[in-house]
Amino acid sequence: MIETDETILRPKRNKKEDPDSKTKRQPPHNVIQLNDDDHTVEYAVALCQKVFGYPAEKGVQIAAEAHITKRCILWTGPLEVAELKQEQIHSLGKDELVNHCMGCMTAILERAV
């Protein structure tokens, strides 16, 4: 085999890559809605539509699950996007249909398992 200038200049690669050189991915995170008595189902459905683009039917399912289990995973993905979604939820403000509502619905982040 005759070596050309291209093959001489190209460094040989080791078939085994250095494990430290691989890109390390962050684990996904869950955005979790906590249930409370200060927000209506209508508010929860609107939240799901505005923040996540879910249809009303999915918002009703999420509200029902949160009511029964006291929490519900709304979305799972990269930490940076999960933080943004949490901020969007918290920025929606109080439920105008509930007189004693003091503020936004609570959303927490947890590392997905």
N, C-alpha and C. Protein backbone atom coordinates (compact mmCIF):
# COMPACT_ATOMS: atom_id res chain seq x y z
N MET A 1 0.84 -1.18 0.00
CA MET A 1 0.00 0.00 0.00
C MET A 1 0.89 1.24 0.00
N ILE A 2 0.54 2.15 -0.84
CA ILE A 2 1.31 3.38 -0.95
C ILE A 2 0.66 4.44 -0.08
N GLU A 3 1.47 5.05 0.77
CA GLU A 3 0.93 6.09 1.64
C GLU A 3 0.90 7.41 0.91
N THR A 4 -0.22 8.08 1.01
CA THR A 4 -0.34 9.41 0.43
C THR A 4 -0.12 10.43 1.53
N ASP A 5 -0.03 11.69 1.15
CA ASP A 5 0.14 12.74 2.15
C ASP A 5 -1.00 12.74 3.15
N GLU A 6 -2.21 12.41 2.66
CA GLU A 6 -3.39 12.42 3.53
C GLU A 6 -3.28 11.37 4.63
N THR A 7 -2.83 10.17 4.29
CA THR A 7 -2.73 9.12 5.30
C THR A 7 -1.58 9.36 6.25
N ILE A 8 -0.56 10.02 5.82
CA ILE A 8 0.58 10.32 6.69
C ILE A 8 0.18 11.36 7.73
N LEU A 9 -0.62 12.36 7.35
CA LEU A 9 -0.99 13.44 8.25
C LEU A 9 -2.10 13.06 9.22
N ARG A 10 -2.89 12.07 8.87
CA ARG A 10 -4.01 11.68 9.71
C ARG A 10 -3.51 10.85 10.88
N PRO A 11 -3.80 11.28 12.12
CA PRO A 11 -3.33 10.50 13.27
C PRO A 11 -4.11 9.18 13.37
N LYS A 12 -3.40 8.17 13.81
CA LYS A 12 -4.06 6.88 14.00
C LYS A 12 -4.91 6.96 15.25
N ARG A 13 -6.09 6.37 15.14
CA ARG A 13 -7.00 6.39 16.29
C ARG A 13 -7.02 5.04 16.95
N ASN A 14 -7.00 5.10 18.22
CA ASN A 14 -7.10 3.88 19.01
C ASN A 14 -8.56 3.46 19.02
N LYS A 15 -8.82 2.18 18.79
CA LYS A 15 -10.20 1.71 18.73
C LYS A 15 -10.91 1.88 20.07
N LYS A 16 -10.18 1.79 21.14
CA LYS A 16 -10.78 1.99 22.46
C LYS A 16 -10.63 3.46 22.81
N GLU A 17 -11.77 4.11 23.04
CA GLU A 17 -11.71 5.52 23.41
C GLU A 17 -11.48 5.64 24.91
N ASP A 18 -10.87 6.71 25.27
CA ASP A 18 -10.64 7.01 26.67
C ASP A 18 -11.99 7.26 27.33
N PRO A 19 -12.35 6.53 28.40
CA PRO A 19 -13.66 6.72 29.03
C PRO A 19 -13.88 8.13 29.57
N ASP A 20 -12.81 8.83 29.90
CA ASP A 20 -12.95 10.19 30.41
C ASP A 20 -13.30 11.19 29.30
N SER A 21 -13.06 10.80 28.03
CA SER A 21 -13.32 11.72 26.94
C SER A 21 -14.76 11.66 26.45
N LYS A 22 -15.53 10.68 26.89
CA LYS A 22 -16.92 10.57 26.46
C LYS A 22 -17.76 11.68 27.09
N THR A 23 -18.76 12.14 26.34
CA THR A 23 -19.65 13.17 26.85
C THR A 23 -20.51 12.57 27.95
N LYS A 24 -20.53 13.24 29.07
CA LYS A 24 -21.36 12.77 30.17
C LYS A 24 -22.67 13.52 30.14
N ARG A 25 -23.75 12.78 30.10
CA ARG A 25 -25.07 13.38 30.02
C ARG A 25 -25.66 13.54 31.42
N GLN A 26 -26.37 14.63 31.60
CA GLN A 26 -27.08 14.81 32.86
C GLN A 26 -28.30 13.91 32.85
N PRO A 27 -28.65 13.38 34.00
CA PRO A 27 -29.84 12.55 34.05
C PRO A 27 -31.09 13.40 33.84
N PRO A 28 -32.15 12.83 33.30
CA PRO A 28 -33.38 13.60 33.13
C PRO A 28 -34.01 13.93 34.48
N HIS A 29 -34.82 14.97 34.48
CA HIS A 29 -35.51 15.40 35.69
C HIS A 29 -37.02 15.47 35.44
N ASN A 30 -37.77 15.17 36.48
CA ASN A 30 -39.23 15.25 36.44
C ASN A 30 -39.68 16.60 36.96
N VAL A 31 -40.67 17.18 36.29
CA VAL A 31 -41.39 18.34 36.82
C VAL A 31 -42.64 17.75 37.45
N ILE A 32 -42.79 17.96 38.75
CA ILE A 32 -43.87 17.34 39.51
C ILE A 32 -44.80 18.40 40.07
N GLN A 33 -46.09 18.21 39.83
CA GLN A 33 -47.12 19.09 40.38
C GLN A 33 -47.59 18.50 41.70
N LEU A 34 -47.61 19.33 42.72
CA LEU A 34 -48.13 18.90 44.02
C LEU A 34 -49.58 19.35 44.15
N ASN A 35 -50.41 18.48 44.69
CA ASN A 35 -51.83 18.80 44.84
C ASN A 35 -52.03 19.72 46.04
N ASP A 36 -53.03 20.57 45.93
CA ASP A 36 -53.45 21.40 47.06
C ASP A 36 -54.93 21.71 46.90
N ASP A 37 -55.50 22.33 47.89
CA ASP A 37 -56.92 22.69 47.85
C ASP A 37 -57.14 24.13 47.42
N ASP A 38 -56.09 24.79 46.98
CA ASP A 38 -56.17 26.21 46.61
C ASP A 38 -56.30 26.45 45.12
N HIS A 39 -56.37 25.38 44.33
CA HIS A 39 -56.45 25.53 42.88
C HIS A 39 -57.51 24.59 42.31
N THR A 40 -58.24 25.08 41.34
CA THR A 40 -59.30 24.30 40.71
C THR A 40 -58.75 23.40 39.62
N VAL A 41 -59.56 22.45 39.22
CA VAL A 41 -59.21 21.58 38.09
C VAL A 41 -59.02 22.44 36.85
N GLU A 42 -59.86 23.45 36.68
CA GLU A 42 -59.75 24.34 35.53
C GLU A 42 -58.37 25.02 35.48
N TYR A 43 -57.88 25.43 36.63
CA TYR A 43 -56.57 26.06 36.71
C TYR A 43 -55.49 25.05 36.31
N ALA A 44 -55.58 23.83 36.84
CA ALA A 44 -54.59 22.79 36.53
C ALA A 44 -54.59 22.45 35.04
N VAL A 45 -55.78 22.38 34.45
CA VAL A 45 -55.89 22.09 33.01
C VAL A 45 -55.26 23.22 32.20
N ALA A 46 -55.57 24.46 32.56
CA ALA A 46 -55.01 25.62 31.86
C ALA A 46 -53.49 25.64 31.98
N LEU A 47 -52.97 25.29 33.16
CA LEU A 47 -51.53 25.22 33.38
C LEU A 47 -50.91 24.21 32.41
N CYS A 48 -51.50 23.04 32.30
CA CYS A 48 -50.98 21.99 31.41
C CYS A 48 -51.00 22.44 29.95
N GLN A 49 -52.03 23.17 29.59
CA GLN A 49 -52.14 23.65 28.21
C GLN A 49 -51.11 24.74 27.92
N LYS A 50 -50.99 25.71 28.83
CA LYS A 50 -50.09 26.84 28.61
C LYS A 50 -48.62 26.46 28.65
N VAL A 51 -48.25 25.70 29.67
CA VAL A 51 -46.83 25.41 29.88
C VAL A 51 -46.34 24.24 29.04
N PHE A 52 -47.18 23.21 28.87
CA PHE A 52 -46.72 22.00 28.20
C PHE A 52 -47.39 21.75 26.84
N GLY A 53 -48.44 22.51 26.53
CA GLY A 53 -49.13 22.31 25.26
C GLY A 53 -49.99 21.06 25.23
N TYR A 54 -50.36 20.55 26.41
CA TYR A 54 -51.17 19.34 26.48
C TYR A 54 -52.62 19.65 26.14
N PRO A 55 -53.34 18.69 25.57
CA PRO A 55 -54.77 18.88 25.34
C PRO A 55 -55.52 18.87 26.68
N ALA A 56 -56.72 19.42 26.68
CA ALA A 56 -57.52 19.51 27.91
C ALA A 56 -57.72 18.15 28.56
N GLU A 57 -57.93 17.11 27.76
CA GLU A 57 -58.16 15.77 28.31
C GLU A 57 -56.98 15.29 29.15
N LYS A 58 -55.77 15.55 28.67
CA LYS A 58 -54.59 15.16 29.44
C LYS A 58 -54.48 15.99 30.71
N GLY A 59 -54.85 17.27 30.64
CA GLY A 59 -54.84 18.12 31.82
C GLY A 59 -55.80 17.60 32.89
N VAL A 60 -56.96 17.12 32.47
CA VAL A 60 -57.93 16.55 33.42
C VAL A 60 -57.37 15.28 34.05
N GLN A 61 -56.72 14.44 33.26
CA GLN A 61 -56.10 13.21 33.80
C GLN A 61 -55.01 13.54 34.81
N ILE A 62 -54.20 14.54 34.50
CA ILE A 62 -53.13 14.95 35.42
C ILE A 62 -53.72 15.49 36.71
N ALA A 63 -54.76 16.34 36.60
CA ALA A 63 -55.40 16.89 37.80
C ALA A 63 -55.99 15.78 38.66
N ALA A 64 -56.60 14.78 38.03
CA ALA A 64 -57.19 13.66 38.78
C ALA A 64 -56.11 12.86 39.50
N GLU A 65 -55.01 12.58 38.80
CA GLU A 65 -53.92 11.82 39.41
C GLU A 65 -53.32 12.60 40.59
N ALA A 66 -53.11 13.89 40.42
CA ALA A 66 -52.55 14.71 41.49
C ALA A 66 -53.50 14.75 42.69
N HIS A 67 -54.80 14.79 42.43
CA HIS A 67 -55.78 14.81 43.52
C HIS A 67 -55.74 13.51 44.31
N ILE A 68 -55.62 12.39 43.62
CA ILE A 68 -55.65 11.08 44.28
C ILE A 68 -54.32 10.76 44.96
N THR A 69 -53.21 10.99 44.26
CA THR A 69 -51.90 10.60 44.79
C THR A 69 -51.14 11.74 45.46
N LYS A 70 -51.70 12.96 45.39
CA LYS A 70 -51.12 14.18 45.97
C LYS A 70 -49.93 14.73 45.18
N ARG A 71 -49.61 14.11 44.05
CA ARG A 71 -48.53 14.59 43.19
C ARG A 71 -48.65 13.90 41.84
N CYS A 72 -48.08 14.54 40.81
CA CYS A 72 -48.15 13.97 39.47
C CYS A 72 -46.97 14.48 38.65
N ILE A 73 -46.34 13.58 37.90
CA ILE A 73 -45.26 13.98 37.00
C ILE A 73 -45.89 14.64 35.78
N LEU A 74 -45.53 15.89 35.56
CA LEU A 74 -46.05 16.64 34.41
C LEU A 74 -45.20 16.45 33.16
N TRP A 75 -43.88 16.32 33.35
CA TRP A 75 -42.98 16.29 32.22
C TRP A 75 -41.63 15.77 32.69
N THR A 76 -40.88 15.13 31.80
CA THR A 76 -39.54 14.63 32.11
C THR A 76 -38.60 15.01 30.98
N GLY A 77 -37.43 15.52 31.34
CA GLY A 77 -36.45 15.90 30.33
C GLY A 77 -35.22 16.52 30.95
N PRO A 78 -34.43 17.22 30.14
CA PRO A 78 -33.18 17.82 30.62
C PRO A 78 -33.42 18.82 31.76
N LEU A 79 -32.48 18.88 32.68
CA LEU A 79 -32.61 19.73 33.86
C LEU A 79 -32.89 21.18 33.50
N GLU A 80 -32.18 21.73 32.53
CA GLU A 80 -32.36 23.14 32.18
C GLU A 80 -33.78 23.43 31.71
N VAL A 81 -34.35 22.53 30.92
CA VAL A 81 -35.72 22.72 30.44
C VAL A 81 -36.71 22.51 31.60
N ALA A 82 -36.43 21.54 32.46
CA ALA A 82 -37.29 21.30 33.63
C ALA A 82 -37.33 22.54 34.52
N GLU A 83 -36.19 23.19 34.71
CA GLU A 83 -36.14 24.42 35.52
C GLU A 83 -36.98 25.52 34.87
N LEU A 84 -36.89 25.62 33.55
CA LEU A 84 -37.69 26.61 32.83
C LEU A 84 -39.19 26.34 33.00
N LYS A 85 -39.59 25.07 32.86
CA LYS A 85 -41.00 24.70 33.01
C LYS A 85 -41.48 25.01 34.43
N GLN A 86 -40.65 24.74 35.42
CA GLN A 86 -41.00 25.04 36.81
C GLN A 86 -41.21 26.55 36.99
N GLU A 87 -40.33 27.35 36.42
CA GLU A 87 -40.47 28.81 36.50
C GLU A 87 -41.75 29.28 35.82
N GLN A 88 -42.07 28.68 34.68
CA GLN A 88 -43.29 29.04 33.97
C GLN A 88 -44.53 28.72 34.80
N ILE A 89 -44.53 27.59 35.46
CA ILE A 89 -45.65 27.21 36.33
C ILE A 89 -45.79 28.23 37.46
N HIS A 90 -44.68 28.56 38.09
CA HIS A 90 -44.71 29.49 39.22
C HIS A 90 -45.08 30.91 38.80
N SER A 91 -44.88 31.23 37.54
CA SER A 91 -45.21 32.58 37.07
C SER A 91 -46.69 32.75 36.72
N LEU A 92 -47.45 31.66 36.72
CA LEU A 92 -48.86 31.75 36.34
C LEU A 92 -49.72 32.48 37.38
N GLY A 93 -49.23 32.55 38.59
CA GLY A 93 -49.97 33.29 39.61
C GLY A 93 -51.10 32.50 40.23
N LYS A 94 -51.96 33.21 40.94
CA LYS A 94 -53.00 32.55 41.72
C LYS A 94 -54.21 32.18 40.87
N ASP A 95 -55.02 31.30 41.42
CA ASP A 95 -56.26 30.85 40.79
C ASP A 95 -57.35 31.86 41.15
N GLU A 96 -57.81 32.59 40.17
CA GLU A 96 -58.81 33.64 40.40
C GLU A 96 -60.18 33.07 40.79
N LEU A 97 -60.41 31.77 40.58
CA LEU A 97 -61.69 31.15 40.93
C LEU A 97 -61.77 30.74 42.40
N VAL A 98 -60.65 30.84 43.11
CA VAL A 98 -60.61 30.45 44.52
C VAL A 98 -60.24 31.68 45.35
N ASN A 99 -61.18 32.12 46.19
CA ASN A 99 -60.97 33.35 46.97
C ASN A 99 -59.76 33.28 47.89
N HIS A 100 -59.53 32.12 48.52
CA HIS A 100 -58.44 32.01 49.49
C HIS A 100 -57.10 31.62 48.85
N CYS A 101 -57.05 31.52 47.54
CA CYS A 101 -55.81 31.17 46.85
C CYS A 101 -54.79 32.29 47.04
N MET A 102 -53.59 31.91 47.47
CA MET A 102 -52.56 32.90 47.77
C MET A 102 -51.48 33.00 46.68
N GLY A 103 -51.46 32.06 45.76
CA GLY A 103 -50.41 32.13 44.75
C GLY A 103 -50.44 30.95 43.80
N CYS A 104 -49.32 30.73 43.17
CA CYS A 104 -49.21 29.71 42.12
C CYS A 104 -49.27 28.30 42.67
N MET A 105 -49.49 27.36 41.78
CA MET A 105 -49.45 25.95 42.13
C MET A 105 -47.99 25.57 42.34
N THR A 106 -47.74 24.66 43.24
CA THR A 106 -46.38 24.24 43.55
C THR A 106 -45.92 23.18 42.57
N ALA A 107 -44.73 23.39 42.02
CA ALA A 107 -44.08 22.40 41.17
C ALA A 107 -42.66 22.21 41.67
N ILE A 108 -42.27 20.96 41.81
CA ILE A 108 -40.93 20.64 42.26
C ILE A 108 -40.22 19.84 41.18
N LEU A 109 -38.90 19.77 41.29
CA LEU A 109 -38.09 18.98 40.37
C LEU A 109 -37.45 17.83 41.13
N GLU A 110 -37.44 16.67 40.48
CA GLU A 110 -36.77 15.51 41.04
C GLU A 110 -36.03 14.80 39.92
N ARG A 111 -34.91 14.24 40.27
CA ARG A 111 -34.16 13.45 39.30
C ARG A 111 -34.99 12.22 38.91
N ALA A 112 -35.13 11.98 37.62
CA ALA A 112 -35.90 10.84 37.14
C ALA A 112 -35.11 9.54 37.41
N VAL A 113 -35.83 8.53 37.75
CA VAL A 113 -35.19 7.25 38.06
C VAL A 113 -35.23 6.35 36.85
